[in-house]
Amino acid sequence: MMLKIGTRGSQLARTQAAGIAAALAAQGIGTELVIIRTAGDRSDAPFFGSIGPQGVFVREIEQALIAGAVDVAVHSYKDLPTSSPRGLVVAAVPRRHAAADVVVATRAAADASAAVLPLRQGVTVGTASARRQAWIRHLRPDLKVQPLRGNVPTRIQRVGERVDAVVLAAAGIERLQAATLGQPAIALGDRVVAALAIRDFPPAPAQGALAVQCRTQDAAIREALAPLDDAASRACVDAERALLARVEGGCELALGAYCLASNGGFEFVAMLERQGKLERASADGPDAQALAERVWKELEP
């Protein structure tokens, strides 16, 4: 079997797709990466929508999958809308990487003793994420937020040039730490990297997870992808996205949600901004989907 894998062209996206290709190669399945430029890649405008312009980083890849130009698509799961086009299925959710956000800062801007974000008062933080902007605005109103887009290496490069710090997904840095695809490992230089506590600074739903998508009718491909699926990661991500689907129902809210498999059960934490205030909810129990419902009942207006 030879499969064409559709992916965005950033170093991170290609690294993620290469990891899936390596897992398939271990089963004796050959692959070819097909680079697809999405609307999100073509735009220079910041995305201020709190739950994102849905599908802006995946739509063209899904269209190529439907058309048969590629056989498999690899996405950052947080980029996928909560409903897939008819005829497509997420066949595998590999083991999730770290879900937390991290701060990458100059040494002069870092302050390990500061609350929530380990940064000195008044420094400038770059992020185009409405969720991250909302959390910073409420939790560290002394900080200055500057909209900043670009791939992970580009945003890190801006630290010390245009901003004092950036907030990024830990998983992106993890995946780029090793030299891959003939490119050097991500260059952090003397910048300080600090993870943010998930309960204080909840990540985007499905952050750190990948979605490996294929056509629903392709039974042989679904069978080939099945060994890549991690049941615990899928259960947690599905629960987070169930809450996201609830929040998407007619309102634009900054939302963070994280579900963790723990001690034979699950823990779920969430936070959203509504009418200028932060609202938090948490629950634990044996059923991740049930926790999403319990958390939503606490958060719904």
Protein backbone atom coordinates (compact mmCIF):
# COMPACT_ATOMS: atom_id res chain seq x y z
CA MET A 1 0.00 0.00 0.00
CA MET A 2 1.20 3.52 -0.87
CA LEU A 3 -0.59 6.46 0.71
CA LYS A 4 -0.46 10.17 -0.06
CA ILE A 5 -0.55 12.25 3.13
CA GLY A 6 -1.94 15.78 2.86
CA THR A 7 -0.47 18.40 5.18
CA ARG A 8 0.19 22.10 5.51
CA GLY A 9 3.66 23.25 4.57
CA SER A 10 4.99 24.68 7.82
CA GLN A 11 7.91 22.91 9.48
CA LEU A 12 5.64 21.90 12.36
CA ALA A 13 2.92 20.52 10.08
CA ARG A 14 5.43 18.55 8.02
CA THR A 15 7.05 17.23 11.20
CA GLN A 16 3.66 16.04 12.42
CA ALA A 17 2.90 14.38 9.09
CA ALA A 18 6.37 12.80 9.02
CA GLY A 19 5.65 11.21 12.39
CA ILE A 20 2.52 9.59 10.99
CA ALA A 21 4.47 8.49 7.91
CA ALA A 22 7.07 6.85 10.17
CA ALA A 23 4.37 5.00 12.11
CA LEU A 24 2.88 3.71 8.86
CA ALA A 25 6.31 2.73 7.57
CA ALA A 26 6.68 0.50 10.62
CA GLN A 27 3.70 -1.43 9.24
CA GLY A 28 5.33 -1.67 5.81
CA ILE A 29 3.15 1.06 4.32
CA GLY A 30 4.82 3.58 2.01
CA THR A 31 3.84 7.25 2.05
CA GLU A 32 4.34 10.50 0.19
CA LEU A 33 3.79 13.93 1.76
CA VAL A 34 1.65 16.28 -0.32
CA ILE A 35 1.92 19.94 0.72
CA ILE A 36 -1.36 21.87 0.53
CA ARG A 37 -1.60 25.61 1.12
CA THR A 38 -4.66 26.60 3.13
CA ALA A 39 -6.56 29.88 3.41
CA GLY A 40 -4.99 30.40 6.83
CA ASP A 41 -1.52 30.09 5.31
CA ARG A 42 -2.34 32.67 2.64
CA SER A 43 -3.68 35.28 5.06
CA ASP A 44 -1.56 37.80 6.95
CA ALA A 45 -4.49 39.10 8.98
CA PRO A 46 -4.68 38.26 12.68
CA PHE A 47 -7.51 35.90 13.60
CA PHE A 48 -9.41 37.45 16.47
CA GLY A 49 -12.40 35.10 16.50
CA SER A 50 -12.29 33.41 19.87
CA ILE A 51 -13.17 29.95 18.64
CA GLY A 52 -11.43 30.64 15.38
CA PRO A 53 -12.43 31.07 11.79
CA GLN A 54 -13.63 27.49 11.54
CA GLY A 55 -11.66 25.32 9.14
CA VAL A 56 -9.35 28.06 7.90
CA PHE A 57 -6.28 25.79 8.28
CA VAL A 58 -7.92 22.56 7.12
CA ARG A 59 -10.56 23.21 4.46
CA GLU A 60 -8.36 22.82 1.39
CA ILE A 61 -6.77 19.66 2.81
CA GLU A 62 -10.20 18.13 3.44
CA GLN A 63 -11.27 19.06 -0.10
CA ALA A 64 -8.18 17.30 -1.50
CA LEU A 65 -9.06 14.24 0.59
CA ILE A 66 -12.64 14.20 -0.68
CA ALA A 67 -11.42 14.63 -4.27
CA GLY A 68 -8.97 11.72 -3.94
CA ALA A 69 -5.86 13.86 -4.43
CA VAL A 70 -4.59 12.55 -1.08
CA ASP A 71 -5.46 9.43 0.92
CA VAL A 72 -4.82 10.65 4.46
CA ALA A 73 -4.78 14.09 6.09
CA VAL A 74 -2.84 15.05 9.22
CA HIS A 75 -4.16 18.05 11.16
CA SER A 76 -3.49 19.76 14.44
CA TYR A 77 -6.76 18.61 16.01
CA LYS A 78 -7.53 22.04 17.48
CA ASP A 79 -7.79 23.39 13.90
CA LEU A 80 -10.64 21.03 12.93
CA PRO A 81 -14.24 22.24 13.11
CA THR A 82 -16.38 20.14 15.44
CA SER A 83 -18.18 18.57 12.48
CA SER A 84 -16.31 17.00 9.55
CA PRO A 85 -17.53 17.07 5.94
CA ARG A 86 -19.69 14.14 4.92
CA GLY A 87 -17.56 11.19 3.83
CA LEU A 88 -14.58 11.93 6.09
CA VAL A 89 -13.67 10.41 9.44
CA VAL A 90 -10.94 10.94 12.05
CA ALA A 91 -9.53 7.42 11.89
CA ALA A 92 -6.81 7.91 14.51
CA VAL A 93 -5.87 10.22 17.36
CA PRO A 94 -2.25 9.36 18.23
CA ARG A 95 -0.93 9.73 21.76
CA ARG A 96 -1.31 13.36 22.70
CA HIS A 97 1.69 15.58 23.36
CA ALA A 98 1.71 18.19 26.14
CA ALA A 99 -1.53 20.20 26.02
CA ALA A 100 -0.35 23.22 28.02
CA ASP A 101 0.66 26.63 26.78
CA VAL A 102 4.17 27.93 27.41
CA VAL A 103 5.72 31.37 27.63
CA VAL A 104 8.89 31.98 25.64
CA ALA A 105 10.56 35.16 26.87
CA THR A 106 13.80 37.08 26.91
CA ARG A 107 15.78 36.65 30.11
CA ALA A 108 15.23 40.32 30.91
CA ALA A 109 11.44 39.90 30.67
CA ALA A 110 11.21 36.67 32.70
CA ASP A 111 10.23 36.65 36.36
CA ALA A 112 9.72 33.21 37.89
CA SER A 113 8.12 34.71 41.01
CA ALA A 114 5.27 36.41 39.12
CA ALA A 115 1.75 35.00 39.40
CA VAL A 116 0.26 32.92 36.55
CA LEU A 117 2.59 34.15 33.81
CA PRO A 118 6.28 34.26 34.85
CA LEU A 119 6.90 37.73 33.37
CA ARG A 120 7.93 41.12 34.71
CA GLN A 121 5.28 43.80 35.01
CA GLY A 122 4.53 45.79 31.88
CA VAL A 123 6.33 43.66 29.31
CA THR A 124 4.87 43.04 25.83
CA VAL A 125 3.42 39.60 24.99
CA GLY A 126 2.75 38.54 21.40
CA THR A 127 -0.28 36.41 20.52
CA ALA A 128 -3.10 36.54 17.95
CA SER A 129 -5.19 34.01 19.90
CA ALA A 130 -8.34 35.58 21.36
CA ARG A 131 -8.30 32.93 24.11
CA ARG A 132 -4.75 33.77 25.15
CA GLN A 133 -5.46 37.49 24.93
CA ALA A 134 -8.50 37.06 27.18
CA TRP A 135 -6.61 35.04 29.80
CA ILE A 136 -3.76 37.59 29.85
CA ARG A 137 -6.18 40.52 30.03
CA HIS A 138 -7.88 39.08 33.10
CA LEU A 139 -5.00 37.34 34.87
CA ARG A 140 -2.20 39.82 34.16
CA PRO A 141 -3.74 43.16 33.19
CA ASP A 142 -0.37 44.86 33.66
CA LEU A 143 1.01 43.13 30.56
CA LYS A 144 0.76 44.62 27.07
CA VAL A 145 -0.63 42.32 24.38
CA GLN A 146 0.48 42.69 20.77
CA PRO A 147 -1.19 40.68 17.97
CA LEU A 148 1.41 38.36 16.47
CA ARG A 149 0.92 35.65 13.84
CA GLY A 150 3.29 33.32 12.07
CA ASN A 151 4.61 29.80 12.39
CA VAL A 152 6.29 28.69 15.60
CA PRO A 153 9.91 29.46 14.58
CA THR A 154 8.87 32.89 13.30
CA ARG A 155 7.06 33.81 16.52
CA ILE A 156 10.01 32.66 18.60
CA GLN A 157 12.31 34.76 16.45
CA ARG A 158 10.18 37.84 17.22
CA VAL A 159 10.97 37.48 20.94
CA GLY A 160 13.52 40.19 21.65
CA GLU A 161 12.79 41.89 18.33
CA ARG A 162 9.13 42.96 18.35
CA VAL A 163 7.92 41.57 21.68
CA ASP A 164 9.36 40.56 25.04
CA ALA A 165 7.55 37.22 25.11
CA VAL A 166 5.14 34.99 23.22
CA VAL A 167 2.64 32.37 24.35
CA LEU A 168 2.72 29.13 22.33
CA ALA A 169 1.51 25.55 22.54
CA ALA A 170 4.01 23.34 24.33
CA ALA A 171 3.38 20.53 21.83
CA GLY A 172 4.63 22.61 18.91
CA ILE A 173 7.95 23.25 20.62
CA GLU A 174 8.20 19.59 21.69
CA ARG A 175 7.75 18.39 18.13
CA LEU A 176 10.31 20.83 16.74
CA GLN A 177 12.97 20.18 19.38
CA ALA A 178 14.57 17.43 17.30
CA ALA A 179 16.13 18.02 13.88
CA THR A 180 13.71 16.64 11.32
CA LEU A 181 13.07 16.73 7.58
CA GLY A 182 16.62 17.88 6.95
CA GLN A 183 16.01 21.10 8.92
CA PRO A 184 17.71 22.21 12.14
CA ALA A 185 15.96 21.89 15.46
CA ILE A 186 14.03 24.94 16.54
CA ALA A 187 16.39 27.63 17.81
CA LEU A 188 15.52 28.90 21.28
CA GLY A 189 18.85 30.61 21.94
CA ASP A 190 19.00 32.07 25.45
CA ARG A 191 15.25 32.56 25.69
CA VAL A 192 13.44 31.32 28.78
CA VAL A 193 10.67 28.73 28.30
CA ALA A 194 8.14 28.18 31.09
CA ALA A 195 5.02 26.00 31.07
CA LEU A 196 1.76 27.57 32.26
CA ALA A 197 -0.42 25.72 34.75
CA ILE A 198 -3.43 24.28 32.94
CA ARG A 199 -5.86 25.14 35.74
CA ASP A 200 -4.80 28.80 35.60
CA PHE A 201 -4.36 29.06 31.83
CA PRO A 202 -6.47 26.34 30.15
CA PRO A 203 -5.46 25.44 26.58
CA ALA A 204 -7.61 25.33 23.48
CA PRO A 205 -9.76 22.19 23.19
CA ALA A 206 -7.70 19.36 21.59
CA GLN A 207 -4.44 21.32 21.85
CA GLY A 208 -1.45 18.98 21.60
CA ALA A 209 -3.40 16.29 19.74
CA LEU A 210 -3.33 15.26 16.08
CA ALA A 211 -6.27 14.18 13.95
CA VAL A 212 -5.50 11.63 11.23
CA GLN A 213 -8.34 11.80 8.76
CA CYS A 214 -9.36 9.65 5.79
CA ARG A 215 -12.40 8.85 3.69
CA THR A 216 -15.07 6.93 5.59
CA GLN A 217 -15.49 4.36 2.82
CA ASP A 218 -11.77 3.44 2.61
CA ALA A 219 -11.84 0.40 4.88
CA ALA A 220 -8.26 -0.67 4.12
CA ILE A 221 -6.87 2.77 5.01
CA ARG A 222 -8.94 2.94 8.19
CA GLU A 223 -7.55 -0.46 9.15
CA ALA A 224 -3.99 0.74 8.49
CA LEU A 225 -4.54 3.84 10.64
CA ALA A 226 -6.27 2.03 13.53
CA PRO A 227 -3.00 1.00 15.30
CA LEU A 228 -2.03 4.71 15.52
CA ASP A 229 -5.07 5.50 17.67
CA ASP A 230 -4.60 6.10 21.41
CA ALA A 231 -7.88 5.41 23.19
CA ALA A 232 -7.22 7.66 26.21
CA SER A 233 -6.15 10.61 24.04
CA ARG A 234 -9.23 10.19 21.83
CA ALA A 235 -11.60 10.02 24.81
CA CYS A 236 -10.15 13.22 26.30
CA VAL A 237 -10.12 15.14 23.03
CA ASP A 238 -13.66 14.01 22.16
CA ALA A 239 -14.88 15.33 25.51
CA GLU A 240 -13.16 18.69 25.05
CA ARG A 241 -14.64 19.02 21.58
CA ALA A 242 -18.08 18.11 22.88
CA LEU A 243 -17.85 21.14 25.17
CA LEU A 244 -16.54 23.24 22.27
CA ALA A 245 -19.54 22.24 20.17
CA ARG A 246 -21.84 23.45 22.97
CA VAL A 247 -20.06 26.80 23.21
CA GLU A 248 -20.11 27.26 19.43
CA GLY A 249 -23.90 27.27 19.53
CA GLY A 250 -24.46 30.90 18.70
CA CYS A 251 -21.86 32.74 20.75
CA GLU A 252 -18.28 33.86 20.32
CA LEU A 253 -16.49 33.13 23.58
CA ALA A 254 -12.88 32.59 24.49
CA LEU A 255 -12.76 28.98 25.69
CA GLY A 256 -10.13 26.77 27.29
CA ALA A 257 -10.79 23.11 28.06
CA TYR A 258 -8.66 20.17 29.13
CA CYS A 259 -9.56 16.58 29.99
CA LEU A 260 -7.00 14.27 31.59
CA ALA A 261 -7.17 10.49 32.01
CA SER A 262 -6.27 9.91 35.66
CA ASN A 263 -6.53 7.02 38.16
CA GLY A 264 -8.88 4.99 36.01
CA GLY A 265 -11.14 7.98 35.36
CA PHE A 266 -10.97 11.52 34.00
CA GLU A 267 -10.52 15.07 35.26
CA PHE A 268 -11.98 17.97 33.27
CA VAL A 269 -11.29 21.69 33.68
CA ALA A 270 -12.64 24.56 31.58
CA MET A 271 -12.69 28.34 31.53
CA LEU A 272 -14.44 30.86 29.32
CA GLU A 273 -14.89 34.60 29.11
CA ARG A 274 -18.46 35.84 29.14
CA GLN A 275 -19.55 39.48 29.35
CA GLY A 276 -16.14 40.59 30.52
CA LYS A 277 -15.79 37.96 33.26
CA LEU A 278 -13.97 34.66 33.53
CA GLU A 279 -16.07 31.64 34.43
CA ARG A 280 -14.49 28.35 35.52
CA ALA A 281 -15.79 24.83 35.96
CA SER A 282 -14.29 21.43 36.77
CA ALA A 283 -15.44 17.86 37.27
CA ASP A 284 -14.04 14.36 37.65
CA GLY A 285 -15.46 10.89 37.13
CA PRO A 286 -15.34 7.71 35.06
CA ASP A 287 -16.96 9.02 31.84
CA ALA A 288 -15.24 11.82 29.90
CA GLN A 289 -18.34 12.70 27.83
CA ALA A 290 -20.46 12.92 30.96
CA LEU A 291 -17.92 15.31 32.46
CA ALA A 292 -18.19 17.56 29.42
CA GLU A 293 -21.95 17.74 30.00
CA ARG A 294 -21.50 18.47 33.71
CA VAL A 295 -19.01 21.23 32.99
CA TRP A 296 -21.32 22.74 30.37
CA LYS A 297 -24.21 22.83 32.87
CA GLU A 298 -21.99 24.86 35.18
CA LEU A 299 -20.93 27.23 32.42
CA GLU A 300 -24.06 27.68 30.32
CA PRO A 301 -25.83 31.02 30.83
